Every structure is written in structure tokens, then in C-alpha cells.
Amino acid sequence: MDDQPPNHVKASYVPRLQQCFLSWLAANTHRFIANPVVTDRTERMIELSLSGSSPTITARLTVNQLLAETGGTVLVCYDLPRKNTGYTCGLISPSYTRVDNTDEDMWSRYFERFLAWANRQLGSRV
């Protein structure tokens, strides 16, 4: 779970991803069952805790992925595409490709998946 961007990732990518996530989080915090609180932020990662969950669930956004864990056990991990040129999704069909209008639109879909996952998990834990 390396949070260092590969050499080919532009320096502007990380701040854009982080800003997109923080803006999305500010607009959607009320939709979480447990309040997400940013507990750490570096130039390479954002970490947050879902307060009120038991056991505590932490999430980390890096240039490569968005993952959630508890007690060192990874519960869910989304690998984030670096380019908005489409992606394959085995959940729908091996040949399914979707291209979003912007990177921010693409990233927001992953954030929405994380929100839905968190609320499903926390519904039975809070």
C-alpha cells in the first residue's frame, strides 16, 4: 500500500485528487452513518476516521487507491485509475468501458462507492 506516486504521475494530479475528495467529503458528510473526520493529511495521502464506528474504521486516500481498514485488516480497497480513458469493470461485464467527462467525475464515482460501502458496513456496527 505504497502512497508514493509513480514517476509518471504529474505533480498536479495529487493536489487535484485531494481537493476533489475534500470538496466531495464536505458536500456529502451528512450522508455517512458515522461522521468522517480527517485525522491526517500529507502531500501524498489523506486519512480519515469514521467516528462512532465500533471497532473504529479508518480510511486512506492515496494517489493509487482508496481503502478502509480496522485493526490493520483491510476491509475494502478501490484502485483508482490515473487516466480518464475508460476502465474495465468485472462487476458489470469484462468488456464494459466507461469514460467520464472529467477526472473529478471519475473520482467522485469511487467516492460514492466508498460511501455506499461504509454505510452498509456501519449500519450494523454503529
N, C-alpha and C. Protein backbone atom coordinates (compact mmCIF):
# COMPACT_ATOMS: atom_id res chain seq x y z
N MET A 1 0.83 -1.17 0.00
CA MET A 1 0.00 0.00 0.00
C MET A 1 0.88 1.24 0.00
N ASP A 2 1.62 1.39 -1.03
CA ASP A 2 2.55 2.48 -1.20
C ASP A 2 1.79 3.74 -1.57
N ASP A 3 2.01 4.82 -0.84
CA ASP A 3 1.30 6.05 -1.15
C ASP A 3 2.15 7.02 -1.97
N GLN A 4 3.28 6.56 -2.48
CA GLN A 4 4.13 7.38 -3.33
C GLN A 4 3.65 7.24 -4.77
N PRO A 5 3.47 8.38 -5.46
CA PRO A 5 3.01 8.27 -6.84
C PRO A 5 4.11 7.75 -7.74
N PRO A 6 3.75 6.99 -8.75
CA PRO A 6 4.75 6.55 -9.71
C PRO A 6 5.38 7.76 -10.39
N ASN A 7 6.54 7.59 -10.96
CA ASN A 7 7.26 8.70 -11.57
C ASN A 7 6.47 9.39 -12.68
N HIS A 8 5.60 8.67 -13.36
CA HIS A 8 4.88 9.26 -14.49
C HIS A 8 3.64 10.05 -14.07
N VAL A 9 3.31 10.09 -12.77
CA VAL A 9 2.15 10.83 -12.30
C VAL A 9 2.56 12.29 -12.13
N LYS A 10 1.84 13.18 -12.78
CA LYS A 10 2.16 14.61 -12.71
C LYS A 10 1.94 15.12 -11.28
N ALA A 11 2.77 16.09 -10.90
CA ALA A 11 2.68 16.66 -9.56
C ALA A 11 1.31 17.28 -9.29
N SER A 12 0.66 17.81 -10.31
CA SER A 12 -0.65 18.45 -10.11
C SER A 12 -1.75 17.44 -9.85
N TYR A 13 -1.52 16.18 -10.19
CA TYR A 13 -2.53 15.14 -10.02
C TYR A 13 -2.91 14.97 -8.55
N VAL A 14 -1.92 14.89 -7.66
CA VAL A 14 -2.18 14.61 -6.25
C VAL A 14 -3.01 15.71 -5.61
N PRO A 15 -2.64 17.00 -5.75
CA PRO A 15 -3.48 18.04 -5.15
C PRO A 15 -4.88 18.07 -5.73
N ARG A 16 -5.02 17.79 -7.03
CA ARG A 16 -6.35 17.77 -7.64
C ARG A 16 -7.19 16.65 -7.05
N LEU A 17 -6.61 15.47 -6.91
CA LEU A 17 -7.32 14.35 -6.32
C LEU A 17 -7.72 14.66 -4.89
N GLN A 18 -6.80 15.19 -4.11
CA GLN A 18 -7.10 15.52 -2.72
C GLN A 18 -8.18 16.60 -2.63
N GLN A 19 -8.06 17.64 -3.44
CA GLN A 19 -9.06 18.71 -3.40
C GLN A 19 -10.43 18.19 -3.81
N CYS A 20 -10.46 17.34 -4.82
CA CYS A 20 -11.71 16.74 -5.24
C CYS A 20 -12.33 15.94 -4.10
N PHE A 21 -11.51 15.13 -3.42
CA PHE A 21 -12.02 14.32 -2.31
C PHE A 21 -12.52 15.21 -1.17
N LEU A 22 -11.74 16.21 -0.78
CA LEU A 22 -12.14 17.07 0.34
C LEU A 22 -13.41 17.85 0.02
N SER A 23 -13.55 18.31 -1.22
CA SER A 23 -14.78 19.00 -1.62
C SER A 23 -15.97 18.05 -1.60
N TRP A 24 -15.75 16.85 -2.14
CA TRP A 24 -16.82 15.84 -2.14
C TRP A 24 -17.20 15.49 -0.70
N LEU A 25 -16.20 15.31 0.16
CA LEU A 25 -16.46 14.95 1.56
C LEU A 25 -17.25 16.04 2.27
N ALA A 26 -16.88 17.30 2.07
CA ALA A 26 -17.60 18.41 2.70
C ALA A 26 -19.06 18.45 2.27
N ALA A 27 -19.32 18.15 1.01
CA ALA A 27 -20.68 18.18 0.49
C ALA A 27 -21.49 16.94 0.87
N ASN A 28 -20.81 15.85 1.26
CA ASN A 28 -21.51 14.58 1.50
C ASN A 28 -21.36 14.01 2.91
N THR A 29 -20.70 14.71 3.80
CA THR A 29 -20.51 14.21 5.17
C THR A 29 -21.84 13.81 5.80
N HIS A 30 -22.87 14.59 5.58
CA HIS A 30 -24.18 14.32 6.18
C HIS A 30 -24.78 13.00 5.72
N ARG A 31 -24.29 12.43 4.63
CA ARG A 31 -24.82 11.17 4.11
C ARG A 31 -24.21 9.94 4.77
N PHE A 32 -23.13 10.12 5.52
CA PHE A 32 -22.49 9.00 6.22
C PHE A 32 -23.24 8.68 7.50
N ILE A 33 -23.37 7.39 7.82
CA ILE A 33 -23.96 6.99 9.09
C ILE A 33 -23.06 7.42 10.25
N ALA A 34 -21.76 7.23 10.10
CA ALA A 34 -20.78 7.67 11.11
C ALA A 34 -20.00 8.84 10.52
N ASN A 35 -19.83 9.89 11.30
CA ASN A 35 -19.20 11.10 10.82
C ASN A 35 -17.74 10.87 10.42
N PRO A 36 -17.38 11.14 9.15
CA PRO A 36 -15.98 11.00 8.73
C PRO A 36 -15.19 12.24 9.19
N VAL A 37 -14.05 12.00 9.84
CA VAL A 37 -13.20 13.07 10.34
C VAL A 37 -11.80 12.88 9.78
N VAL A 38 -11.26 13.91 9.12
CA VAL A 38 -9.89 13.85 8.61
C VAL A 38 -8.95 13.87 9.80
N THR A 39 -8.12 12.84 9.93
CA THR A 39 -7.20 12.72 11.06
C THR A 39 -5.75 12.98 10.70
N ASP A 40 -5.43 12.91 9.41
CA ASP A 40 -4.06 13.15 8.97
C ASP A 40 -4.09 13.51 7.49
N ARG A 41 -3.18 14.39 7.11
CA ARG A 41 -3.08 14.76 5.69
C ARG A 41 -1.63 15.13 5.41
N THR A 42 -1.10 14.52 4.37
CA THR A 42 0.23 14.86 3.88
C THR A 42 0.07 15.23 2.41
N GLU A 43 1.16 15.55 1.77
CA GLU A 43 1.07 15.86 0.34
C GLU A 43 0.77 14.63 -0.49
N ARG A 44 0.84 13.44 0.09
CA ARG A 44 0.63 12.19 -0.64
C ARG A 44 -0.61 11.41 -0.21
N MET A 45 -1.22 11.80 0.92
CA MET A 45 -2.34 10.98 1.42
C MET A 45 -3.24 11.77 2.35
N ILE A 46 -4.49 11.32 2.42
CA ILE A 46 -5.46 11.83 3.39
C ILE A 46 -5.96 10.61 4.16
N GLU A 47 -5.98 10.73 5.48
CA GLU A 47 -6.51 9.65 6.32
C GLU A 47 -7.70 10.19 7.09
N LEU A 48 -8.73 9.37 7.21
CA LEU A 48 -9.89 9.79 7.99
C LEU A 48 -10.39 8.63 8.81
N SER A 49 -11.12 9.00 9.85
CA SER A 49 -11.72 8.02 10.75
C SER A 49 -13.22 8.18 10.67
N LEU A 50 -13.92 7.06 10.70
CA LEU A 50 -15.37 7.10 10.75
C LEU A 50 -15.76 7.06 12.22
N SER A 51 -15.92 8.24 12.79
CA SER A 51 -16.16 8.35 14.23
C SER A 51 -17.49 7.72 14.60
N GLY A 52 -17.47 7.06 15.72
CA GLY A 52 -18.66 6.39 16.20
C GLY A 52 -18.77 4.94 15.78
N SER A 53 -17.91 4.51 14.89
CA SER A 53 -17.95 3.11 14.49
C SER A 53 -17.21 2.28 15.52
N SER A 54 -17.66 1.07 15.70
CA SER A 54 -17.01 0.19 16.66
C SER A 54 -16.91 -1.20 16.04
N PRO A 55 -15.71 -1.72 15.78
CA PRO A 55 -14.43 -1.06 16.01
C PRO A 55 -14.23 0.09 15.03
N THR A 56 -13.29 0.97 15.34
CA THR A 56 -13.04 2.14 14.51
C THR A 56 -12.58 1.74 13.11
N ILE A 57 -13.19 2.35 12.13
CA ILE A 57 -12.80 2.15 10.74
C ILE A 57 -12.05 3.39 10.29
N THR A 58 -10.86 3.18 9.73
CA THR A 58 -10.10 4.28 9.16
C THR A 58 -10.05 4.09 7.65
N ALA A 59 -9.95 5.19 6.96
CA ALA A 59 -9.85 5.16 5.50
C ALA A 59 -8.66 6.00 5.09
N ARG A 60 -8.07 5.62 3.98
CA ARG A 60 -6.90 6.33 3.47
C ARG A 60 -7.03 6.50 1.96
N LEU A 61 -6.86 7.74 1.51
CA LEU A 61 -6.83 8.05 0.09
C LEU A 61 -5.40 8.37 -0.29
N THR A 62 -4.87 7.60 -1.22
CA THR A 62 -3.53 7.86 -1.75
C THR A 62 -3.68 8.10 -3.25
N VAL A 63 -2.59 8.34 -3.90
CA VAL A 63 -2.62 8.54 -5.35
C VAL A 63 -3.07 7.28 -6.07
N ASN A 64 -2.91 6.13 -5.44
CA ASN A 64 -3.21 4.85 -6.08
C ASN A 64 -4.56 4.26 -5.69
N GLN A 65 -5.03 4.54 -4.48
CA GLN A 65 -6.20 3.82 -4.00
C GLN A 65 -6.92 4.55 -2.87
N LEU A 66 -8.14 4.08 -2.66
CA LEU A 66 -8.95 4.48 -1.52
C LEU A 66 -9.25 3.18 -0.79
N LEU A 67 -8.79 3.09 0.46
CA LEU A 67 -9.01 1.84 1.20
C LEU A 67 -9.52 2.13 2.60
N ALA A 68 -10.17 1.15 3.17
CA ALA A 68 -10.66 1.23 4.54
C ALA A 68 -10.18 0.01 5.30
N GLU A 69 -9.85 0.22 6.56
CA GLU A 69 -9.35 -0.88 7.38
C GLU A 69 -9.78 -0.69 8.82
N THR A 70 -9.66 -1.76 9.56
CA THR A 70 -9.88 -1.72 11.00
C THR A 70 -8.89 -2.69 11.63
N GLY A 71 -8.20 -2.23 12.65
CA GLY A 71 -7.22 -3.08 13.33
C GLY A 71 -6.18 -3.67 12.41
N GLY A 72 -5.79 -2.96 11.36
CA GLY A 72 -4.78 -3.46 10.43
C GLY A 72 -5.31 -4.40 9.36
N THR A 73 -6.59 -4.71 9.39
CA THR A 73 -7.19 -5.58 8.39
C THR A 73 -7.89 -4.73 7.34
N VAL A 74 -7.49 -4.88 6.09
CA VAL A 74 -8.11 -4.13 5.00
C VAL A 74 -9.51 -4.71 4.76
N LEU A 75 -10.49 -3.83 4.79
CA LEU A 75 -11.88 -4.24 4.58
C LEU A 75 -12.32 -4.06 3.14
N VAL A 76 -11.87 -2.99 2.52
CA VAL A 76 -12.21 -2.72 1.13
C VAL A 76 -11.11 -1.84 0.55
N CYS A 77 -10.85 -2.04 -0.74
CA CYS A 77 -9.81 -1.26 -1.41
C CYS A 77 -10.25 -1.00 -2.84
N TYR A 78 -10.27 0.27 -3.22
CA TYR A 78 -10.58 0.66 -4.58
C TYR A 78 -9.31 1.18 -5.23
N ASP A 79 -8.87 0.55 -6.30
CA ASP A 79 -7.73 1.05 -7.07
C ASP A 79 -8.22 2.17 -7.97
N LEU A 80 -7.60 3.34 -7.85
CA LEU A 80 -8.04 4.50 -8.61
C LEU A 80 -7.32 4.58 -9.95
N PRO A 81 -8.07 4.67 -11.04
CA PRO A 81 -7.43 4.84 -12.34
C PRO A 81 -6.72 6.19 -12.39
N ARG A 82 -5.61 6.26 -13.09
CA ARG A 82 -4.85 7.51 -13.18
C ARG A 82 -5.23 8.34 -14.39
N LYS A 83 -5.86 7.73 -15.36
CA LYS A 83 -6.25 8.47 -16.56
C LYS A 83 -7.70 8.18 -16.85
N ASN A 84 -8.39 9.20 -17.26
CA ASN A 84 -9.80 9.06 -17.58
C ASN A 84 -9.96 8.64 -19.03
N THR A 85 -9.44 7.46 -19.34
CA THR A 85 -9.55 6.92 -20.70
C THR A 85 -10.42 5.69 -20.71
N GLY A 86 -11.18 5.51 -19.65
CA GLY A 86 -12.03 4.34 -19.54
C GLY A 86 -11.42 3.32 -18.64
N TYR A 87 -12.19 2.42 -18.16
CA TYR A 87 -11.71 1.37 -17.29
C TYR A 87 -12.58 0.15 -17.51
N THR A 88 -12.08 -0.99 -17.15
CA THR A 88 -12.89 -2.20 -17.24
C THR A 88 -13.42 -2.51 -15.86
N CYS A 89 -14.61 -2.99 -15.81
CA CYS A 89 -15.25 -3.30 -14.54
C CYS A 89 -15.83 -4.70 -14.62
N GLY A 90 -15.23 -5.63 -13.90
CA GLY A 90 -15.68 -7.02 -13.93
C GLY A 90 -17.02 -7.22 -13.27
N LEU A 91 -17.46 -6.24 -12.46
CA LEU A 91 -18.76 -6.38 -11.80
C LEU A 91 -19.89 -6.27 -12.81
N ILE A 92 -19.69 -5.49 -13.86
CA ILE A 92 -20.73 -5.29 -14.85
C ILE A 92 -20.52 -6.28 -16.00
N SER A 93 -19.35 -6.22 -16.58
CA SER A 93 -19.01 -7.10 -17.69
C SER A 93 -17.52 -6.92 -17.96
N PRO A 94 -16.82 -7.97 -18.31
CA PRO A 94 -15.39 -7.85 -18.57
C PRO A 94 -15.05 -6.83 -19.66
N SER A 95 -15.97 -6.56 -20.56
CA SER A 95 -15.67 -5.64 -21.65
C SER A 95 -16.27 -4.24 -21.44
N TYR A 96 -16.88 -4.00 -20.28
CA TYR A 96 -17.51 -2.70 -20.01
C TYR A 96 -16.45 -1.61 -19.89
N THR A 97 -16.62 -0.53 -20.62
CA THR A 97 -15.73 0.63 -20.54
C THR A 97 -16.59 1.87 -20.38
N ARG A 98 -16.17 2.73 -19.46
CA ARG A 98 -16.89 3.98 -19.25
C ARG A 98 -15.87 5.10 -19.22
N VAL A 99 -16.18 6.18 -19.90
CA VAL A 99 -15.33 7.36 -19.88
C VAL A 99 -16.15 8.51 -19.32
N ASP A 100 -15.64 9.14 -18.27
CA ASP A 100 -16.31 10.28 -17.66
C ASP A 100 -15.86 11.57 -18.33
N ASN A 101 -16.62 12.63 -18.10
CA ASN A 101 -16.28 13.92 -18.70
C ASN A 101 -14.99 14.50 -18.12
N THR A 102 -14.77 14.28 -16.82
CA THR A 102 -13.58 14.83 -16.15
C THR A 102 -13.01 13.80 -15.20
N ASP A 103 -11.76 14.01 -14.80
CA ASP A 103 -11.18 13.16 -13.76
C ASP A 103 -12.00 13.25 -12.49
N GLU A 104 -12.47 14.45 -12.17
CA GLU A 104 -13.24 14.65 -10.95
C GLU A 104 -14.52 13.82 -10.96
N ASP A 105 -15.19 13.74 -12.11
CA ASP A 105 -16.39 12.89 -12.23
C ASP A 105 -16.03 11.43 -11.98
N MET A 106 -14.91 11.01 -12.57
CA MET A 106 -14.46 9.63 -12.40
C MET A 106 -14.16 9.36 -10.92
N TRP A 107 -13.37 10.23 -10.29
CA TRP A 107 -13.01 10.02 -8.89
C TRP A 107 -14.25 10.03 -8.00
N SER A 108 -15.20 10.91 -8.29
CA SER A 108 -16.40 11.00 -7.46
C SER A 108 -17.20 9.71 -7.46
N ARG A 109 -17.18 8.98 -8.58
CA ARG A 109 -17.87 7.69 -8.60
C ARG A 109 -17.25 6.73 -7.59
N TYR A 110 -15.92 6.76 -7.46
CA TYR A 110 -15.26 5.91 -6.48
C TYR A 110 -15.60 6.36 -5.06
N PHE A 111 -15.67 7.66 -4.85
CA PHE A 111 -16.02 8.17 -3.53
C PHE A 111 -17.45 7.75 -3.17
N GLU A 112 -18.35 7.76 -4.15
CA GLU A 112 -19.73 7.32 -3.92
C GLU A 112 -19.78 5.83 -3.58
N ARG A 113 -18.95 5.04 -4.24
CA ARG A 113 -18.89 3.60 -3.92
C ARG A 113 -18.43 3.41 -2.48
N PHE A 114 -17.42 4.20 -2.07
CA PHE A 114 -16.93 4.12 -0.70
C PHE A 114 -18.03 4.51 0.29
N LEU A 115 -18.76 5.56 0.02
CA LEU A 115 -19.86 5.99 0.88
C LEU A 115 -20.89 4.87 1.03
N ALA A 116 -21.31 4.27 -0.08
CA ALA A 116 -22.30 3.19 -0.02
C ALA A 116 -21.75 2.01 0.78
N TRP A 117 -20.49 1.65 0.55
CA TRP A 117 -19.88 0.56 1.30
C TRP A 117 -19.85 0.88 2.78
N ALA A 118 -19.39 2.08 3.13
CA ALA A 118 -19.28 2.48 4.54
C ALA A 118 -20.62 2.41 5.24
N ASN A 119 -21.65 2.90 4.60
CA ASN A 119 -22.98 2.89 5.23
C ASN A 119 -23.52 1.47 5.38
N ARG A 120 -23.23 0.59 4.42
CA ARG A 120 -23.65 -0.81 4.57
C ARG A 120 -22.93 -1.43 5.77
N GLN A 121 -21.63 -1.20 5.86
CA GLN A 121 -20.84 -1.77 6.97
C GLN A 121 -21.25 -1.19 8.31
N LEU A 122 -21.43 0.11 8.35
CA LEU A 122 -21.69 0.79 9.60
C LEU A 122 -23.13 0.63 10.08
N GLY A 123 -24.02 0.30 9.17
CA GLY A 123 -25.40 0.09 9.56
C GLY A 123 -25.55 -0.96 10.66
N SER A 124 -24.66 -1.93 10.67
CA SER A 124 -24.74 -2.99 11.67
C SER A 124 -23.73 -2.80 12.80
N ARG A 125 -22.87 -1.76 12.71
CA ARG A 125 -21.84 -1.57 13.71
C ARG A 125 -22.08 -0.40 14.65
N VAL A 126 -22.77 0.61 14.18
CA VAL A 126 -22.92 1.83 14.98
C VAL A 126 -23.93 1.62 16.08
